[in-house]
Amino acid sequence: MRDIRSIYCSAERKAVEGAEILAAGLGLGFTVIEALGENRSSTGYLPKAEFEATAELFFARPSESVRGWERATDAQRRIVAAMADILLRQPSGGSIAIVSHGAVGALYLCHLKRVPISRTADQPATNGGNYFAFDTDGAVLRHGWCSIDD
Protein backbone atom coordinates (compact mmCIF):
# COMPACT_ATOMS: atom_id res chain seq x y z
CA MET A 1 0.00 0.00 0.00
CA ARG A 2 2.77 2.45 0.83
CA ASP A 3 4.12 2.15 -2.73
CA ILE A 4 0.91 3.59 -4.21
CA ARG A 5 1.62 6.91 -5.92
CA SER A 6 -1.59 7.38 -7.93
CA ILE A 7 -5.24 6.48 -7.41
CA TYR A 8 -7.95 6.25 -10.06
CA CYS A 9 -11.62 5.41 -9.61
CA SER A 10 -14.93 5.27 -11.43
CA ALA A 11 -17.39 8.13 -11.06
CA GLU A 12 -19.85 5.98 -9.14
CA ARG A 13 -20.43 6.82 -5.48
CA LYS A 14 -19.08 3.63 -3.88
CA ALA A 15 -15.87 3.82 -5.94
CA VAL A 16 -15.37 7.52 -5.20
CA GLU A 17 -15.93 6.90 -1.48
CA GLY A 18 -13.42 4.02 -1.56
CA ALA A 19 -10.89 6.21 -3.37
CA GLU A 20 -11.43 8.99 -0.82
CA ILE A 21 -10.67 6.62 2.06
CA LEU A 22 -7.56 5.23 0.36
CA ALA A 23 -6.35 8.68 -0.71
CA ALA A 24 -6.80 10.13 2.78
CA GLY A 25 -4.84 7.27 4.33
CA LEU A 26 -1.98 7.74 1.87
CA GLY A 27 -2.05 11.55 1.70
CA LEU A 28 -2.83 11.51 -2.03
CA GLY A 29 -5.47 12.81 -4.37
CA PHE A 30 -7.30 10.68 -6.92
CA THR A 31 -8.55 10.94 -10.48
CA VAL A 32 -12.07 9.98 -11.55
CA ILE A 33 -12.24 8.05 -14.83
CA GLU A 34 -15.79 7.72 -16.16
CA ALA A 35 -14.93 4.65 -18.27
CA LEU A 36 -14.09 2.63 -15.14
CA GLY A 37 -17.79 2.50 -14.29
CA GLU A 38 -19.78 -0.67 -13.76
CA ASN A 39 -21.51 -2.24 -16.74
CA ARG A 40 -24.16 0.14 -17.98
CA SER A 41 -27.67 -1.10 -17.37
CA SER A 42 -31.22 -0.06 -18.03
CA THR A 43 -32.59 -1.99 -15.07
CA GLY A 44 -31.31 0.17 -12.23
CA TYR A 45 -31.22 -1.48 -8.83
CA LEU A 46 -32.23 -5.14 -8.76
CA PRO A 47 -32.89 -7.28 -5.68
CA LYS A 48 -29.91 -9.56 -4.96
CA ALA A 49 -31.33 -12.79 -6.44
CA GLU A 50 -32.51 -11.02 -9.59
CA PHE A 51 -29.21 -9.17 -9.92
CA GLU A 52 -27.22 -12.40 -9.57
CA ALA A 53 -29.33 -14.14 -12.23
CA THR A 54 -28.89 -11.19 -14.60
CA ALA A 55 -25.14 -11.02 -13.90
CA GLU A 56 -24.87 -14.74 -14.70
CA LEU A 57 -26.42 -14.07 -18.11
CA PHE A 58 -24.22 -10.98 -18.64
CA PHE A 59 -21.11 -13.14 -18.33
CA ALA A 60 -22.57 -16.24 -20.03
CA ARG A 61 -23.72 -14.30 -23.12
CA PRO A 62 -21.01 -11.65 -23.51
CA SER A 63 -21.96 -10.66 -27.07
CA GLU A 64 -25.63 -10.08 -26.15
CA SER A 65 -27.35 -7.31 -24.25
CA VAL A 66 -29.12 -8.96 -21.34
CA ARG A 67 -32.14 -6.98 -20.10
CA GLY A 68 -30.77 -3.84 -21.72
CA TRP A 69 -27.39 -4.11 -20.01
CA GLU A 70 -24.28 -3.11 -21.91
CA ARG A 71 -22.84 -6.13 -23.70
CA ALA A 72 -19.93 -7.65 -21.75
CA THR A 73 -17.74 -7.48 -24.86
CA ASP A 74 -18.40 -3.74 -25.17
CA ALA A 75 -17.82 -3.17 -21.45
CA GLN A 76 -14.53 -5.08 -21.64
CA ARG A 77 -13.33 -2.97 -24.60
CA ARG A 78 -14.23 0.22 -22.69
CA ILE A 79 -12.41 -0.95 -19.55
CA VAL A 80 -9.30 -2.17 -21.40
CA ALA A 81 -9.09 1.18 -23.23
CA ALA A 82 -9.46 3.09 -19.94
CA MET A 83 -6.73 1.01 -18.33
CA ALA A 84 -4.42 1.53 -21.32
CA ASP A 85 -4.98 5.29 -21.00
CA ILE A 86 -4.21 5.19 -17.27
CA LEU A 87 -1.05 3.18 -17.84
CA LEU A 88 0.13 5.65 -20.50
CA ARG A 89 -0.33 8.57 -18.07
CA GLN A 90 1.36 6.86 -15.17
CA PRO A 91 4.82 8.18 -14.35
CA SER A 92 7.46 5.57 -13.63
CA GLY A 93 8.00 4.46 -10.05
CA GLY A 94 5.43 3.49 -7.51
CA SER A 95 2.22 1.56 -7.77
CA ILE A 96 -1.23 2.68 -8.83
CA ALA A 97 -4.60 1.77 -7.32
CA ILE A 98 -7.78 1.45 -9.34
CA VAL A 99 -10.98 1.61 -7.26
CA SER A 100 -13.86 0.29 -9.30
CA HIS A 101 -16.37 -2.56 -9.34
CA GLY A 102 -16.49 -6.36 -9.40
CA ALA A 103 -17.58 -6.78 -13.02
CA VAL A 104 -14.99 -4.21 -14.13
CA GLY A 105 -12.28 -6.20 -12.36
CA ALA A 106 -13.60 -9.50 -13.72
CA LEU A 107 -13.62 -8.24 -17.30
CA TYR A 108 -10.11 -6.81 -16.98
CA LEU A 109 -8.87 -9.96 -15.27
CA CYS A 110 -10.16 -12.03 -18.23
CA HIS A 111 -8.24 -9.67 -20.51
CA LEU A 112 -5.04 -10.06 -18.46
CA LYS A 113 -5.38 -13.83 -18.39
CA ARG A 114 -6.20 -13.83 -22.11
CA VAL A 115 -9.25 -16.01 -21.50
CA PRO A 116 -12.85 -15.64 -22.70
CA ILE A 117 -15.21 -13.52 -20.62
CA SER A 118 -16.52 -15.64 -17.75
CA ARG A 119 -18.02 -15.09 -14.35
CA THR A 120 -15.39 -17.45 -12.96
CA ALA A 121 -13.16 -14.35 -13.00
CA ASP A 122 -15.60 -12.40 -10.80
CA GLN A 123 -14.46 -11.32 -7.36
CA PRO A 124 -15.21 -13.75 -4.55
CA ALA A 125 -17.91 -12.99 -2.00
CA THR A 126 -16.12 -11.64 1.08
CA ASN A 127 -16.98 -9.25 3.90
CA GLY A 128 -15.24 -6.39 2.14
CA GLY A 129 -13.73 -5.58 -1.21
CA ASN A 130 -11.16 -7.51 -3.16
CA TYR A 131 -8.15 -6.71 -5.29
CA PHE A 132 -5.75 -8.28 -7.74
CA ALA A 133 -2.34 -7.08 -8.87
CA PHE A 134 -0.60 -6.85 -12.19
CA ASP A 135 2.64 -5.43 -13.55
CA THR A 136 1.95 -2.34 -15.58
CA ASP A 137 4.76 -3.18 -18.00
CA GLY A 138 2.94 -5.46 -20.40
CA ALA A 139 -0.06 -5.76 -18.07
CA VAL A 140 1.01 -9.16 -16.71
CA LEU A 141 -1.03 -10.62 -13.86
CA ARG A 142 0.88 -11.01 -10.55
CA HIS A 143 -1.95 -12.63 -8.60
CA GLY A 144 -5.70 -13.07 -8.74
CA TRP A 145 -8.35 -11.85 -6.31
CA CYS A 146 -7.42 -11.37 -2.63
CA SER A 147 -9.62 -9.98 0.11
CA ILE A 148 -8.69 -6.52 1.39
CA ASP A 149 -9.59 -7.89 4.84
CA ASP A 150 -6.60 -10.26 4.80
C-alpha atoms as a PDB file:
ATOM      1  CA  MET A   1       0.000   0.000   0.000  1.00  0.00           C
ATOM      2  CA  ARG A   2       2.770   2.451   0.834  1.00  0.00           C
ATOM      3  CA  ASP A   3       4.122   2.154  -2.732  1.00  0.00           C
ATOM      4  CA  ILE A   4       0.913   3.588  -4.206  1.00  0.00           C
ATOM      5  CA  ARG A   5       1.623   6.914  -5.921  1.00  0.00           C
ATOM      6  CA  SER A   6      -1.593   7.385  -7.934  1.00  0.00           C
ATOM      7  CA  ILE A   7      -5.240   6.482  -7.409  1.00  0.00           C
ATOM      8  CA  TYR A   8      -7.954   6.251 -10.056  1.00  0.00           C
ATOM      9  CA  CYS A   9     -11.625   5.409  -9.613  1.00  0.00           C
ATOM     10  CA  SER A  10     -14.933   5.265 -11.435  1.00  0.00           C
ATOM     11  CA  ALA A  11     -17.389   8.133 -11.062  1.00  0.00           C
ATOM     12  CA  GLU A  12     -19.850   5.975  -9.139  1.00  0.00           C
ATOM     13  CA  ARG A  13     -20.426   6.822  -5.481  1.00  0.00           C
ATOM     14  CA  LYS A  14     -19.082   3.634  -3.881  1.00  0.00           C
ATOM     15  CA  ALA A  15     -15.872   3.818  -5.942  1.00  0.00           C
ATOM     16  CA  VAL A  16     -15.366   7.521  -5.195  1.00  0.00           C
ATOM     17  CA  GLU A  17     -15.930   6.896  -1.477  1.00  0.00           C
ATOM     18  CA  GLY A  18     -13.422   4.024  -1.559  1.00  0.00           C
ATOM     19  CA  ALA A  19     -10.886   6.210  -3.369  1.00  0.00           C
ATOM     20  CA  GLU A  20     -11.430   8.995  -0.817  1.00  0.00           C
ATOM     21  CA  ILE A  21     -10.670   6.616   2.064  1.00  0.00           C
ATOM     22  CA  LEU A  22      -7.563   5.230   0.363  1.00  0.00           C
ATOM     23  CA  ALA A  23      -6.346   8.679  -0.707  1.00  0.00           C
ATOM     24  CA  ALA A  24      -6.803  10.127   2.784  1.00  0.00           C
ATOM     25  CA  GLY A  25      -4.838   7.271   4.325  1.00  0.00           C
ATOM     26  CA  LEU A  26      -1.981   7.744   1.867  1.00  0.00           C
ATOM     27  CA  GLY A  27      -2.045  11.548   1.697  1.00  0.00           C
ATOM     28  CA  LEU A  28      -2.829  11.506  -2.027  1.00  0.00           C
ATOM     29  CA  GLY A  29      -5.473  12.807  -4.370  1.00  0.00           C
ATOM     30  CA  PHE A  30      -7.301  10.685  -6.916  1.00  0.00           C
ATOM     31  CA  THR A  31      -8.547  10.940 -10.483  1.00  0.00           C
ATOM     32  CA  VAL A  32     -12.067   9.981 -11.550  1.00  0.00           C
ATOM     33  CA  ILE A  33     -12.243   8.053 -14.829  1.00  0.00           C
ATOM     34  CA  GLU A  34     -15.786   7.720 -16.158  1.00  0.00           C
ATOM     35  CA  ALA A  35     -14.925   4.654 -18.274  1.00  0.00           C
ATOM     36  CA  LEU A  36     -14.087   2.626 -15.143  1.00  0.00           C
ATOM     37  CA  GLY A  37     -17.792   2.501 -14.287  1.00  0.00           C
ATOM     38  CA  GLU A  38     -19.779  -0.668 -13.763  1.00  0.00           C
ATOM     39  CA  ASN A  39     -21.511  -2.237 -16.741  1.00  0.00           C
ATOM     40  CA  ARG A  40     -24.160   0.140 -17.981  1.00  0.00           C
ATOM     41  CA  SER A  41     -27.675  -1.104 -17.370  1.00  0.00           C
ATOM     42  CA  SER A  42     -31.222  -0.055 -18.026  1.00  0.00           C
ATOM     43  CA  THR A  43     -32.589  -1.994 -15.066  1.00  0.00           C
ATOM     44  CA  GLY A  44     -31.313   0.169 -12.232  1.00  0.00           C
ATOM     45  CA  TYR A  45     -31.215  -1.476  -8.826  1.00  0.00           C
ATOM     46  CA  LEU A  46     -32.231  -5.135  -8.764  1.00  0.00           C
ATOM     47  CA  PRO A  47     -32.887  -7.282  -5.682  1.00  0.00           C
ATOM     48  CA  LYS A  48     -29.911  -9.557  -4.965  1.00  0.00           C
ATOM     49  CA  ALA A  49     -31.334 -12.786  -6.440  1.00  0.00           C
ATOM     50  CA  GLU A  50     -32.514 -11.017  -9.589  1.00  0.00           C
ATOM     51  CA  PHE A  51     -29.208  -9.167  -9.925  1.00  0.00           C
ATOM     52  CA  GLU A  52     -27.221 -12.400  -9.570  1.00  0.00           C
ATOM     53  CA  ALA A  53     -29.333 -14.137 -12.233  1.00  0.00           C
ATOM     54  CA  THR A  54     -28.889 -11.191 -14.603  1.00  0.00           C
ATOM     55  CA  ALA A  55     -25.142 -11.023 -13.902  1.00  0.00           C
ATOM     56  CA  GLU A  56     -24.870 -14.740 -14.701  1.00  0.00           C
ATOM     57  CA  LEU A  57     -26.419 -14.068 -18.112  1.00  0.00           C
ATOM     58  CA  PHE A  58     -24.224 -10.977 -18.638  1.00  0.00           C
ATOM     59  CA  PHE A  59     -21.109 -13.144 -18.330  1.00  0.00           C
ATOM     60  CA  ALA A  60     -22.573 -16.239 -20.034  1.00  0.00           C
ATOM     61  CA  ARG A  61     -23.720 -14.300 -23.116  1.00  0.00           C
ATOM     62  CA  PRO A  62     -21.010 -11.652 -23.513  1.00  0.00           C
ATOM     63  CA  SER A  63     -21.959 -10.663 -27.072  1.00  0.00           C
ATOM     64  CA  GLU A  64     -25.631 -10.083 -26.155  1.00  0.00           C
ATOM     65  CA  SER A  65     -27.349  -7.306 -24.253  1.00  0.00           C
ATOM     66  CA  VAL A  66     -29.124  -8.959 -21.341  1.00  0.00           C
ATOM     67  CA  ARG A  67     -32.136  -6.980 -20.100  1.00  0.00           C
ATOM     68  CA  GLY A  68     -30.765  -3.838 -21.722  1.00  0.00           C
ATOM     69  CA  TRP A  69     -27.385  -4.107 -20.014  1.00  0.00           C
ATOM     70  CA  GLU A  70     -24.275  -3.112 -21.911  1.00  0.00           C
ATOM     71  CA  ARG A  71     -22.841  -6.134 -23.696  1.00  0.00           C
ATOM     72  CA  ALA A  72     -19.929  -7.653 -21.747  1.00  0.00           C
ATOM     73  CA  THR A  73     -17.740  -7.482 -24.859  1.00  0.00           C
ATOM     74  CA  ASP A  74     -18.405  -3.738 -25.168  1.00  0.00           C
ATOM     75  CA  ALA A  75     -17.816  -3.171 -21.453  1.00  0.00           C
ATOM     76  CA  GLN A  76     -14.526  -5.082 -21.643  1.00  0.00           C
ATOM     77  CA  ARG A  77     -13.331  -2.969 -24.602  1.00  0.00           C
ATOM     78  CA  ARG A  78     -14.227   0.222 -22.691  1.00  0.00           C
ATOM     79  CA  ILE A  79     -12.405  -0.948 -19.553  1.00  0.00           C
ATOM     80  CA  VAL A  80      -9.298  -2.174 -21.399  1.00  0.00           C
ATOM     81  CA  ALA A  81      -9.088   1.178 -23.229  1.00  0.00           C
ATOM     82  CA  ALA A  82      -9.458   3.089 -19.943  1.00  0.00           C
ATOM     83  CA  MET A  83      -6.735   1.012 -18.334  1.00  0.00           C
ATOM     84  CA  ALA A  84      -4.420   1.534 -21.323  1.00  0.00           C
ATOM     85  CA  ASP A  85      -4.977   5.287 -21.003  1.00  0.00           C
ATOM     86  CA  ILE A  86      -4.212   5.193 -17.271  1.00  0.00           C
ATOM     87  CA  LEU A  87      -1.047   3.176 -17.843  1.00  0.00           C
ATOM     88  CA  LEU A  88       0.134   5.651 -20.501  1.00  0.00           C
ATOM     89  CA  ARG A  89      -0.327   8.575 -18.072  1.00  0.00           C
ATOM     90  CA  GLN A  90       1.364   6.858 -15.171  1.00  0.00           C
ATOM     91  CA  PRO A  91       4.816   8.177 -14.346  1.00  0.00           C
ATOM     92  CA  SER A  92       7.462   5.567 -13.627  1.00  0.00           C
ATOM     93  CA  GLY A  93       8.004   4.464 -10.045  1.00  0.00           C
ATOM     94  CA  GLY A  94       5.434   3.491  -7.512  1.00  0.00           C
ATOM     95  CA  SER A  95       2.222   1.564  -7.773  1.00  0.00           C
ATOM     96  CA  ILE A  96      -1.235   2.678  -8.826  1.00  0.00           C
ATOM     97  CA  ALA A  97      -4.595   1.769  -7.316  1.00  0.00           C
ATOM     98  CA  ILE A  98      -7.781   1.454  -9.335  1.00  0.00           C
ATOM     99  CA  VAL A  99     -10.981   1.612  -7.265  1.00  0.00           C
ATOM    100  CA  SER A 100     -13.860   0.294  -9.304  1.00  0.00           C
ATOM    101  CA  HIS A 101     -16.373  -2.565  -9.345  1.00  0.00           C
ATOM    102  CA  GLY A 102     -16.489  -6.359  -9.404  1.00  0.00           C
ATOM    103  CA  ALA A 103     -17.576  -6.777 -13.015  1.00  0.00           C
ATOM    104  CA  VAL A 104     -14.988  -4.209 -14.126  1.00  0.00           C
ATOM    105  CA  GLY A 105     -12.285  -6.197 -12.362  1.00  0.00           C
ATOM    106  CA  ALA A 106     -13.597  -9.498 -13.721  1.00  0.00           C
ATOM    107  CA  LEU A 107     -13.615  -8.242 -17.299  1.00  0.00           C
ATOM    108  CA  TYR A 108     -10.107  -6.808 -16.977  1.00  0.00           C
ATOM    109  CA  LEU A 109      -8.875  -9.964 -15.266  1.00  0.00           C
ATOM    110  CA  CYS A 110     -10.160 -12.031 -18.228  1.00  0.00           C
ATOM    111  CA  HIS A 111      -8.236  -9.672 -20.509  1.00  0.00           C
ATOM    112  CA  LEU A 112      -5.036 -10.055 -18.459  1.00  0.00           C
ATOM    113  CA  LYS A 113      -5.380 -13.829 -18.391  1.00  0.00           C
ATOM    114  CA  ARG A 114      -6.196 -13.827 -22.112  1.00  0.00           C
ATOM    115  CA  VAL A 115      -9.253 -16.006 -21.502  1.00  0.00           C
ATOM    116  CA  PRO A 116     -12.853 -15.642 -22.695  1.00  0.00           C
ATOM    117  CA  ILE A 117     -15.208 -13.524 -20.619  1.00  0.00           C
ATOM    118  CA  SER A 118     -16.517 -15.645 -17.754  1.00  0.00           C
ATOM    119  CA  ARG A 119     -18.021 -15.095 -14.346  1.00  0.00           C
ATOM    120  CA  THR A 120     -15.392 -17.454 -12.958  1.00  0.00           C
ATOM    121  CA  ALA A 121     -13.158 -14.348 -13.000  1.00  0.00           C
ATOM    122  CA  ASP A 122     -15.599 -12.398 -10.804  1.00  0.00           C
ATOM    123  CA  GLN A 123     -14.461 -11.319  -7.358  1.00  0.00           C
ATOM    124  CA  PRO A 124     -15.215 -13.745  -4.554  1.00  0.00           C
ATOM    125  CA  ALA A 125     -17.905 -12.992  -1.999  1.00  0.00           C
ATOM    126  CA  THR A 126     -16.117 -11.639   1.081  1.00  0.00           C
ATOM    127  CA  ASN A 127     -16.984  -9.253   3.896  1.00  0.00           C
ATOM    128  CA  GLY A 128     -15.236  -6.390   2.136  1.00  0.00           C
ATOM    129  CA  GLY A 129     -13.726  -5.576  -1.210  1.00  0.00           C
ATOM    130  CA  ASN A 130     -11.156  -7.507  -3.158  1.00  0.00           C
ATOM    131  CA  TYR A 131      -8.147  -6.705  -5.285  1.00  0.00           C
ATOM    132  CA  PHE A 132      -5.747  -8.282  -7.736  1.00  0.00           C
ATOM    133  CA  ALA A 133      -2.337  -7.079  -8.869  1.00  0.00           C
ATOM    134  CA  PHE A 134      -0.597  -6.854 -12.195  1.00  0.00           C
ATOM    135  CA  ASP A 135       2.643  -5.433 -13.550  1.00  0.00           C
ATOM    136  CA  THR A 136       1.951  -2.335 -15.575  1.00  0.00           C
ATOM    137  CA  ASP A 137       4.759  -3.177 -18.003  1.00  0.00           C
ATOM    138  CA  GLY A 138       2.941  -5.455 -20.398  1.00  0.00           C
ATOM    139  CA  ALA A 139      -0.060  -5.762 -18.067  1.00  0.00           C
ATOM    140  CA  VAL A 140       1.013  -9.156 -16.707  1.00  0.00           C
ATOM    141  CA  LEU A 141      -1.026 -10.622 -13.863  1.00  0.00           C
ATOM    142  CA  ARG A 142       0.875 -11.013 -10.552  1.00  0.00           C
ATOM    143  CA  HIS A 143      -1.954 -12.625  -8.597  1.00  0.00           C
ATOM    144  CA  GLY A 144      -5.705 -13.066  -8.736  1.00  0.00           C
ATOM    145  CA  TRP A 145      -8.346 -11.853  -6.313  1.00  0.00           C
ATOM    146  CA  CYS A 146      -7.418 -11.373  -2.635  1.00  0.00           C
ATOM    147  CA  SER A 147      -9.624  -9.979   0.111  1.00  0.00           C
ATOM    148  CA  ILE A 148      -8.693  -6.523   1.393  1.00  0.00           C
ATOM    149  CA  ASP A 149      -9.588  -7.890   4.839  1.00  0.00           C
ATOM    150  CA  ASP A 150      -6.599 -10.255   4.805  1.00  0.00           C
END
